[in-house]
Amino acid sequence: MYYLASVINFLFTAYNFIIFIRVVMSWVRVDPYNPLVRIVYQLTEPVLAPLRRVIPPAAGLDFSPIVAFFLIELLRRLVMGLLF
């Protein structure tokens, strides 16, 4: 059971890190055809796109990653609470 909880916790942490990478990539100019950039976009877009529809950008800033961080943390705590 502890091993499963560790793996699940790692996956949540890794996904948060991927979203953070996406945020940093939005601050710098990246090649959208780079395979690593495409992978990051493909992994994060299913979560960020629905949030962007609900929370439109304000003053040119996209707040969907911040909301995603909070929702992922909430989901992580819920899942870990159910495991223990």
PDB file of N, CA and C in Angstrom:
ATOM      1  N   MET A   1       0.825  -1.194   0.000  1.00  0.00           N
ATOM      2  CA  MET A   1       0.000   0.000   0.000  1.00  0.00           C
ATOM      3  C   MET A   1       0.871   1.261   0.000  1.00  0.00           C
ATOM      4  N   TYR A   2       1.955   1.243   0.773  1.00  0.00           N
ATOM      5  CA  TYR A   2       2.837   2.399   0.830  1.00  0.00           C
ATOM      6  C   TYR A   2       3.477   2.648  -0.539  1.00  0.00           C
ATOM      7  N   TYR A   3       3.853   1.562  -1.227  1.00  0.00           N
ATOM      8  CA  TYR A   3       4.461   1.697  -2.555  1.00  0.00           C
ATOM      9  C   TYR A   3       3.485   2.353  -3.530  1.00  0.00           C
ATOM     10  N   LEU A   4       2.237   1.937  -3.512  1.00  0.00           N
ATOM     11  CA  LEU A   4       1.226   2.516  -4.393  1.00  0.00           C
ATOM     12  C   LEU A   4       1.038   3.999  -4.103  1.00  0.00           C
ATOM     13  N   ALA A   5       0.997   4.349  -2.825  1.00  0.00           N
ATOM     14  CA  ALA A   5       0.843   5.757  -2.445  1.00  0.00           C
ATOM     15  C   ALA A   5       2.050   6.573  -2.900  1.00  0.00           C
ATOM     16  N   SER A   6       3.232   6.008  -2.811  1.00  0.00           N
ATOM     17  CA  SER A   6       4.432   6.710  -3.259  1.00  0.00           C
ATOM     18  C   SER A   6       4.417   6.943  -4.758  1.00  0.00           C
ATOM     19  N   VAL A   7       3.986   5.963  -5.512  1.00  0.00           N
ATOM     20  CA  VAL A   7       3.910   6.094  -6.967  1.00  0.00           C
ATOM     21  C   VAL A   7       2.872   7.143  -7.353  1.00  0.00           C
ATOM     22  N   ILE A   8       1.717   7.099  -6.724  1.00  0.00           N
ATOM     23  CA  ILE A   8       0.660   8.074  -7.026  1.00  0.00           C
ATOM     24  C   ILE A   8       1.123   9.482  -6.663  1.00  0.00           C
ATOM     25  N   ASN A   9       1.753   9.631  -5.513  1.00  0.00           N
ATOM     26  CA  ASN A   9       2.265  10.938  -5.100  1.00  0.00           C
ATOM     27  C   ASN A   9       3.310  11.440  -6.102  1.00  0.00           C
ATOM     28  N   PHE A  10       4.183  10.552  -6.564  1.00  0.00           N
ATOM     29  CA  PHE A  10       5.194  10.931  -7.554  1.00  0.00           C
ATOM     30  C   PHE A  10       4.540  11.397  -8.852  1.00  0.00           C
ATOM     31  N   LEU A  11       3.494  10.717  -9.292  1.00  0.00           N
ATOM     32  CA  LEU A  11       2.826  11.090 -10.536  1.00  0.00           C
ATOM     33  C   LEU A  11       2.184  12.477 -10.430  1.00  0.00           C
ATOM     34  N   PHE A  12       1.566  12.764  -9.305  1.00  0.00           N
ATOM     35  CA  PHE A  12       1.002  14.104  -9.101  1.00  0.00           C
ATOM     36  C   PHE A  12       2.104  15.165  -9.106  1.00  0.00           C
ATOM     37  N   THR A  13       3.197  14.878  -8.424  1.00  0.00           N
ATOM     38  CA  THR A  13       4.318  15.815  -8.374  1.00  0.00           C
ATOM     39  C   THR A  13       4.915  16.017  -9.758  1.00  0.00           C
ATOM     40  N   ALA A  14       5.081  14.942 -10.506  1.00  0.00           N
ATOM     41  CA  ALA A  14       5.641  15.039 -11.853  1.00  0.00           C
ATOM     42  C   ALA A  14       4.731  15.861 -12.769  1.00  0.00           C
ATOM     43  N   TYR A  15       3.426  15.674 -12.638  1.00  0.00           N
ATOM     44  CA  TYR A  15       2.505  16.439 -13.492  1.00  0.00           C
ATOM     45  C   TYR A  15       2.543  17.928 -13.135  1.00  0.00           C
ATOM     46  N   ASN A  16       2.631  18.239 -11.855  1.00  0.00           N
ATOM     47  CA  ASN A  16       2.790  19.635 -11.453  1.00  0.00           C
ATOM     48  C   ASN A  16       4.074  20.224 -12.030  1.00  0.00           C
ATOM     49  N   PHE A  17       5.138  19.448 -12.046  1.00  0.00           N
ATOM     50  CA  PHE A  17       6.403  19.906 -12.611  1.00  0.00           C
ATOM     51  C   PHE A  17       6.267  20.153 -14.112  1.00  0.00           C
ATOM     52  N   ILE A  18       5.548  19.298 -14.807  1.00  0.00           N
ATOM     53  CA  ILE A  18       5.337  19.484 -16.246  1.00  0.00           C
ATOM     54  C   ILE A  18       4.536  20.762 -16.505  1.00  0.00           C
ATOM     55  N   ILE A  19       3.548  21.031 -15.676  1.00  0.00           N
ATOM     56  CA  ILE A  19       2.796  22.286 -15.820  1.00  0.00           C
ATOM     57  C   ILE A  19       3.716  23.468 -15.556  1.00  0.00           C
ATOM     58  N   PHE A  20       4.589  23.360 -14.575  1.00  0.00           N
ATOM     59  CA  PHE A  20       5.538  24.431 -14.296  1.00  0.00           C
ATOM     60  C   PHE A  20       6.452  24.659 -15.505  1.00  0.00           C
ATOM     61  N   ILE A  21       6.910  23.592 -16.127  1.00  0.00           N
ATOM     62  CA  ILE A  21       7.729  23.720 -17.337  1.00  0.00           C
ATOM     63  C   ILE A  21       6.940  24.449 -18.416  1.00  0.00           C
ATOM     64  N   ARG A  22       5.677  24.137 -18.561  1.00  0.00           N
ATOM     65  CA  ARG A  22       4.834  24.812 -19.543  1.00  0.00           C
ATOM     66  C   ARG A  22       4.745  26.307 -19.249  1.00  0.00           C
ATOM     67  N   VAL A  23       4.623  26.671 -17.987  1.00  0.00           N
ATOM     68  CA  VAL A  23       4.567  28.081 -17.610  1.00  0.00           C
ATOM     69  C   VAL A  23       5.873  28.774 -17.986  1.00  0.00           C
ATOM     70  N   VAL A  24       6.989  28.164 -17.663  1.00  0.00           N
ATOM     71  CA  VAL A  24       8.294  28.754 -17.993  1.00  0.00           C
ATOM     72  C   VAL A  24       8.452  28.873 -19.506  1.00  0.00           C
ATOM     73  N   MET A  25       7.990  27.885 -20.240  1.00  0.00           N
ATOM     74  CA  MET A  25       8.081  27.946 -21.704  1.00  0.00           C
ATOM     75  C   MET A  25       7.249  29.093 -22.266  1.00  0.00           C
ATOM     76  N   SER A  26       6.196  29.480 -21.576  1.00  0.00           N
ATOM     77  CA  SER A  26       5.381  30.587 -22.065  1.00  0.00           C
ATOM     78  C   SER A  26       6.088  31.929 -21.878  1.00  0.00           C
ATOM     79  N   TRP A  27       7.085  31.976 -21.023  1.00  0.00           N
ATOM     80  CA  TRP A  27       7.832  33.207 -20.786  1.00  0.00           C
ATOM     81  C   TRP A  27       8.968  33.415 -21.778  1.00  0.00           C
ATOM     82  N   VAL A  28       9.422  32.343 -22.409  1.00  0.00           N
ATOM     83  CA  VAL A  28      10.534  32.430 -23.361  1.00  0.00           C
ATOM     84  C   VAL A  28      10.066  31.948 -24.725  1.00  0.00           C
ATOM     85  N   ARG A  29      10.801  32.312 -25.728  1.00  0.00           N
ATOM     86  CA  ARG A  29      10.454  31.883 -27.078  1.00  0.00           C
ATOM     87  C   ARG A  29      10.962  30.456 -27.290  1.00  0.00           C
ATOM     88  N   VAL A  30      10.051  29.553 -27.587  1.00  0.00           N
ATOM     89  CA  VAL A  30      10.416  28.160 -27.847  1.00  0.00           C
ATOM     90  C   VAL A  30       9.937  27.778 -29.237  1.00  0.00           C
ATOM     91  N   ASP A  31      10.590  26.796 -29.793  1.00  0.00           N
ATOM     92  CA  ASP A  31      10.197  26.282 -31.104  1.00  0.00           C
ATOM     93  C   ASP A  31       8.997  25.355 -30.909  1.00  0.00           C
ATOM     94  N   PRO A  32       7.820  25.707 -31.418  1.00  0.00           N
ATOM     95  CA  PRO A  32       6.646  24.858 -31.199  1.00  0.00           C
ATOM     96  C   PRO A  32       6.734  23.503 -31.901  1.00  0.00           C
ATOM     97  N   TYR A  33       7.707  23.337 -32.772  1.00  0.00           N
ATOM     98  CA  TYR A  33       7.869  22.068 -33.475  1.00  0.00           C
ATOM     99  C   TYR A  33       8.899  21.167 -32.810  1.00  0.00           C
ATOM    100  N   ASN A  34       9.529  21.643 -31.752  1.00  0.00           N
ATOM    101  CA  ASN A  34      10.465  20.829 -30.997  1.00  0.00           C
ATOM    102  C   ASN A  34       9.691  19.683 -30.344  1.00  0.00           C
ATOM    103  N   PRO A  35      10.190  18.449 -30.473  1.00  0.00           N
ATOM    104  CA  PRO A  35       9.454  17.301 -29.911  1.00  0.00           C
ATOM    105  C   PRO A  35       9.201  17.398 -28.404  1.00  0.00           C
ATOM    106  N   LEU A  36      10.150  17.921 -27.646  1.00  0.00           N
ATOM    107  CA  LEU A  36       9.938  18.046 -26.199  1.00  0.00           C
ATOM    108  C   LEU A  36       8.862  19.078 -25.883  1.00  0.00           C
ATOM    109  N   VAL A  37       8.848  20.165 -26.625  1.00  0.00           N
ATOM    110  CA  VAL A  37       7.827  21.195 -26.424  1.00  0.00           C
ATOM    111  C   VAL A  37       6.458  20.622 -26.764  1.00  0.00           C
ATOM    112  N   ARG A  38       6.385  19.881 -27.833  1.00  0.00           N
ATOM    113  CA  ARG A  38       5.110  19.274 -28.236  1.00  0.00           C
ATOM    114  C   ARG A  38       4.605  18.298 -27.191  1.00  0.00           C
ATOM    115  N   ILE A  39       5.514  17.520 -26.598  1.00  0.00           N
ATOM    116  CA  ILE A  39       5.114  16.558 -25.557  1.00  0.00           C
ATOM    117  C   ILE A  39       4.557  17.294 -24.347  1.00  0.00           C
ATOM    118  N   VAL A  40       5.238  18.364 -23.927  1.00  0.00           N
ATOM    119  CA  VAL A  40       4.763  19.139 -22.774  1.00  0.00           C
ATOM    120  C   VAL A  40       3.379  19.711 -23.063  1.00  0.00           C
ATOM    121  N   TYR A  41       3.180  20.252 -24.273  1.00  0.00           N
ATOM    122  CA  TYR A  41       1.876  20.804 -24.628  1.00  0.00           C
ATOM    123  C   TYR A  41       0.807  19.708 -24.669  1.00  0.00           C
ATOM    124  N   GLN A  42       1.147  18.550 -25.221  1.00  0.00           N
ATOM    125  CA  GLN A  42       0.167  17.458 -25.304  1.00  0.00           C
ATOM    126  C   GLN A  42      -0.206  16.923 -23.928  1.00  0.00           C
ATOM    127  N   LEU A  43       0.741  16.931 -22.999  1.00  0.00           N
ATOM    128  CA  LEU A  43       0.452  16.433 -21.651  1.00  0.00           C
ATOM    129  C   LEU A  43      -0.355  17.425 -20.818  1.00  0.00           C
ATOM    130  N   THR A  44      -0.155  18.708 -21.042  1.00  0.00           N
ATOM    131  CA  THR A  44      -0.804  19.699 -20.194  1.00  0.00           C
ATOM    132  C   THR A  44      -2.093  20.267 -20.778  1.00  0.00           C
ATOM    133  N   GLU A  45      -2.231  20.246 -22.074  1.00  0.00           N
ATOM    134  CA  GLU A  45      -3.397  20.865 -22.694  1.00  0.00           C
ATOM    135  C   GLU A  45      -4.730  20.236 -22.272  1.00  0.00           C
ATOM    136  N   PRO A  46      -4.823  18.922 -22.060  1.00  0.00           N
ATOM    137  CA  PRO A  46      -6.115  18.363 -21.617  1.00  0.00           C
ATOM    138  C   PRO A  46      -6.598  18.909 -20.276  1.00  0.00           C
ATOM    139  N   VAL A  47      -5.701  19.366 -19.436  1.00  0.00           N
ATOM    140  CA  VAL A  47      -6.101  19.950 -18.152  1.00  0.00           C
ATOM    141  C   VAL A  47      -6.279  21.461 -18.279  1.00  0.00           C
ATOM    142  N   LEU A  48      -5.372  22.117 -18.979  1.00  0.00           N
ATOM    143  CA  LEU A  48      -5.397  23.580 -19.031  1.00  0.00           C
ATOM    144  C   LEU A  48      -6.477  24.132 -19.961  1.00  0.00           C
ATOM    145  N   ALA A  49      -6.779  23.459 -21.048  1.00  0.00           N
ATOM    146  CA  ALA A  49      -7.771  23.977 -22.006  1.00  0.00           C
ATOM    147  C   ALA A  49      -9.160  24.139 -21.379  1.00  0.00           C
ATOM    148  N   PRO A  50      -9.687  23.146 -20.671  1.00  0.00           N
ATOM    149  CA  PRO A  50     -11.004  23.352 -20.039  1.00  0.00           C
ATOM    150  C   PRO A  50     -10.981  24.469 -18.991  1.00  0.00           C
ATOM    151  N   LEU A  51      -9.872  24.595 -18.283  1.00  0.00           N
ATOM    152  CA  LEU A  51      -9.770  25.660 -17.289  1.00  0.00           C
ATOM    153  C   LEU A  51      -9.746  27.026 -17.966  1.00  0.00           C
ATOM    154  N   ARG A  52      -9.100  27.115 -19.118  1.00  0.00           N
ATOM    155  CA  ARG A  52      -9.059  28.385 -19.849  1.00  0.00           C
ATOM    156  C   ARG A  52     -10.435  28.802 -20.339  1.00  0.00           C
ATOM    157  N   ARG A  53     -11.281  27.826 -20.635  1.00  0.00           N
ATOM    158  CA  ARG A  53     -12.646  28.157 -21.067  1.00  0.00           C
ATOM    159  C   ARG A  53     -13.455  28.735 -19.908  1.00  0.00           C
ATOM    160  N   VAL A  54     -13.181  28.258 -18.703  1.00  0.00           N
ATOM    161  CA  VAL A  54     -13.907  28.733 -17.524  1.00  0.00           C
ATOM    162  C   VAL A  54     -13.292  30.026 -16.988  1.00  0.00           C
ATOM    163  N   ILE A  55     -11.972  30.108 -17.021  1.00  0.00           N
ATOM    164  CA  ILE A  55     -11.255  31.276 -16.492  1.00  0.00           C
ATOM    165  C   ILE A  55     -10.499  31.929 -17.650  1.00  0.00           C
ATOM    166  N   PRO A  56     -11.100  32.905 -18.291  1.00  0.00           N
ATOM    167  CA  PRO A  56     -10.406  33.552 -19.412  1.00  0.00           C
ATOM    168  C   PRO A  56      -9.215  34.369 -18.918  1.00  0.00           C
ATOM    169  N   PRO A  57      -8.241  34.604 -19.783  1.00  0.00           N
ATOM    170  CA  PRO A  57      -7.085  35.421 -19.379  1.00  0.00           C
ATOM    171  C   PRO A  57      -7.513  36.819 -18.944  1.00  0.00           C
ATOM    172  N   ALA A  58      -6.873  37.310 -17.915  1.00  0.00           N
ATOM    173  CA  ALA A  58      -7.152  38.656 -17.402  1.00  0.00           C
ATOM    174  C   ALA A  58      -5.888  39.489 -17.558  1.00  0.00           C
ATOM    175  N   ALA A  59      -6.013  40.613 -18.219  1.00  0.00           N
ATOM    176  CA  ALA A  59      -4.888  41.527 -18.462  1.00  0.00           C
ATOM    177  C   ALA A  59      -3.746  40.811 -19.170  1.00  0.00           C
ATOM    178  N   GLY A  60      -4.091  39.871 -20.037  1.00  0.00           N
ATOM    179  CA  GLY A  60      -3.077  39.144 -20.791  1.00  0.00           C
ATOM    180  C   GLY A  60      -2.399  38.026 -20.028  1.00  0.00           C
ATOM    181  N   LEU A  61      -2.835  37.748 -18.811  1.00  0.00           N
ATOM    182  CA  LEU A  61      -2.237  36.690 -18.008  1.00  0.00           C
ATOM    183  C   LEU A  61      -3.161  35.478 -17.949  1.00  0.00           C
ATOM    184  N   ASP A  62      -2.572  34.314 -18.135  1.00  0.00           N
ATOM    185  CA  ASP A  62      -3.315  33.061 -18.087  1.00  0.00           C
ATOM    186  C   ASP A  62      -3.209  32.483 -16.678  1.00  0.00           C
ATOM    187  N   PHE A  63      -4.318  32.464 -15.967  1.00  0.00           N
ATOM    188  CA  PHE A  63      -4.332  31.959 -14.601  1.00  0.00           C
ATOM    189  C   PHE A  63      -4.686  30.469 -14.518  1.00  0.00           C
ATOM    190  N   SER A  64      -4.893  29.817 -15.654  1.00  0.00           N
ATOM    191  CA  SER A  64      -5.269  28.401 -15.627  1.00  0.00           C
ATOM    192  C   SER A  64      -4.204  27.501 -15.004  1.00  0.00           C
ATOM    193  N   PRO A  65      -2.900  27.740 -15.185  1.00  0.00           N
ATOM    194  CA  PRO A  65      -1.930  26.873 -14.495  1.00  0.00           C
ATOM    195  C   PRO A  65      -2.013  26.979 -12.973  1.00  0.00           C
ATOM    196  N   ILE A  66      -2.295  28.176 -12.460  1.00  0.00           N
ATOM    197  CA  ILE A  66      -2.403  28.337 -11.007  1.00  0.00           C
ATOM    198  C   ILE A  66      -3.592  27.542 -10.484  1.00  0.00           C
ATOM    199  N   VAL A  67      -4.717  27.634 -11.185  1.00  0.00           N
ATOM    200  CA  VAL A  67      -5.905  26.877 -10.793  1.00  0.00           C
ATOM    201  C   VAL A  67      -5.627  25.380 -10.920  1.00  0.00           C
ATOM    202  N   ALA A  68      -4.900  24.996 -11.966  1.00  0.00           N
ATOM    203  CA  ALA A  68      -4.556  23.577 -12.148  1.00  0.00           C
ATOM    204  C   ALA A  68      -3.701  23.079 -10.988  1.00  0.00           C
ATOM    205  N   PHE A  69      -2.723  23.890 -10.543  1.00  0.00           N
ATOM    206  CA  PHE A  69      -1.908  23.492  -9.390  1.00  0.00           C
ATOM    207  C   PHE A  69      -2.786  23.230  -8.169  1.00  0.00           C
ATOM    208  N   PHE A  70      -3.727  24.126  -7.899  1.00  0.00           N
ATOM    209  CA  PHE A  70      -4.606  23.954  -6.743  1.00  0.00           C
ATOM    210  C   PHE A  70      -5.505  22.721  -6.894  1.00  0.00           C
ATOM    211  N   LEU A  71      -6.065  22.521  -8.078  1.00  0.00           N
ATOM    212  CA  LEU A  71      -6.943  21.375  -8.283  1.00  0.00           C
ATOM    213  C   LEU A  71      -6.184  20.054  -8.205  1.00  0.00           C
ATOM    214  N   ILE A  72      -4.982  20.028  -8.751  1.00  0.00           N
ATOM    215  CA  ILE A  72      -4.175  18.807  -8.685  1.00  0.00           C
ATOM    216  C   ILE A  72      -3.797  18.508  -7.241  1.00  0.00           C
ATOM    217  N   GLU A  73      -3.456  19.541  -6.485  1.00  0.00           N
ATOM    218  CA  GLU A  73      -3.133  19.338  -5.067  1.00  0.00           C
ATOM    219  C   GLU A  73      -4.354  18.843  -4.293  1.00  0.00           C
ATOM    220  N   LEU A  74      -5.510  19.399  -4.588  1.00  0.00           N
ATOM    221  CA  LEU A  74      -6.742  18.952  -3.947  1.00  0.00           C
ATOM    222  C   LEU A  74      -7.025  17.487  -4.284  1.00  0.00           C
ATOM    223  N   LEU A  75      -6.863  17.129  -5.539  1.00  0.00           N
ATOM    224  CA  LEU A  75      -7.075  15.745  -5.965  1.00  0.00           C
ATOM    225  C   LEU A  75      -6.052  14.813  -5.334  1.00  0.00           C
ATOM    226  N   ARG A  76      -4.795  15.262  -5.237  1.00  0.00           N
ATOM    227  CA  ARG A  76      -3.750  14.445  -4.608  1.00  0.00           C
ATOM    228  C   ARG A  76      -4.094  14.176  -3.142  1.00  0.00           C
ATOM    229  N   ARG A  77      -4.529  15.204  -2.429  1.00  0.00           N
ATOM    230  CA  ARG A  77      -4.888  15.020  -1.025  1.00  0.00           C
ATOM    231  C   ARG A  77      -6.092  14.103  -0.863  1.00  0.00           C
ATOM    232  N   LEU A  78      -7.048  14.223  -1.776  1.00  0.00           N
ATOM    233  CA  LEU A  78      -8.217  13.360  -1.727  1.00  0.00           C
ATOM    234  C   LEU A  78      -7.828  11.899  -1.954  1.00  0.00           C
ATOM    235  N   VAL A  79      -7.026  11.660  -2.969  1.00  0.00           N
ATOM    236  CA  VAL A  79      -6.604  10.286  -3.274  1.00  0.00           C
ATOM    237  C   VAL A  79      -5.754   9.726  -2.149  1.00  0.00           C
ATOM    238  N   MET A  80      -4.819  10.515  -1.638  1.00  0.00           N
ATOM    239  CA  MET A  80      -3.973  10.019  -0.549  1.00  0.00           C
ATOM    240  C   MET A  80      -4.802   9.772   0.716  1.00  0.00           C
ATOM    241  N   GLY A  81      -5.792  10.601   0.952  1.00  0.00           N
ATOM    242  CA  GLY A  81      -6.667  10.381   2.100  1.00  0.00           C
ATOM    243  C   GLY A  81      -7.475   9.108   1.970  1.00  0.00           C
ATOM    244  N   LEU A  82      -7.876   8.778   0.750  1.00  0.00           N
ATOM    245  CA  LEU A  82      -8.616   7.542   0.538  1.00  0.00           C
ATOM    246  C   LEU A  82      -7.716   6.310   0.689  1.00  0.00           C
ATOM    247  N   LEU A  83      -6.429   6.464   0.375  1.00  0.00           N
ATOM    248  CA  LEU A  83      -5.513   5.337   0.496  1.00  0.00           C
ATOM    249  C   LEU A  83      -5.135   5.054   1.946  1.00  0.00           C
ATOM    250  N   PHE A  84      -5.176   6.094   2.783  1.00  0.00           N
ATOM    251  CA  PHE A  84      -4.756   5.905   4.176  1.00  0.00           C
ATOM    252  C   PHE A  84      -5.895   6.092   5.111  1.00  0.00           C
TER     253      PHE A  84
END
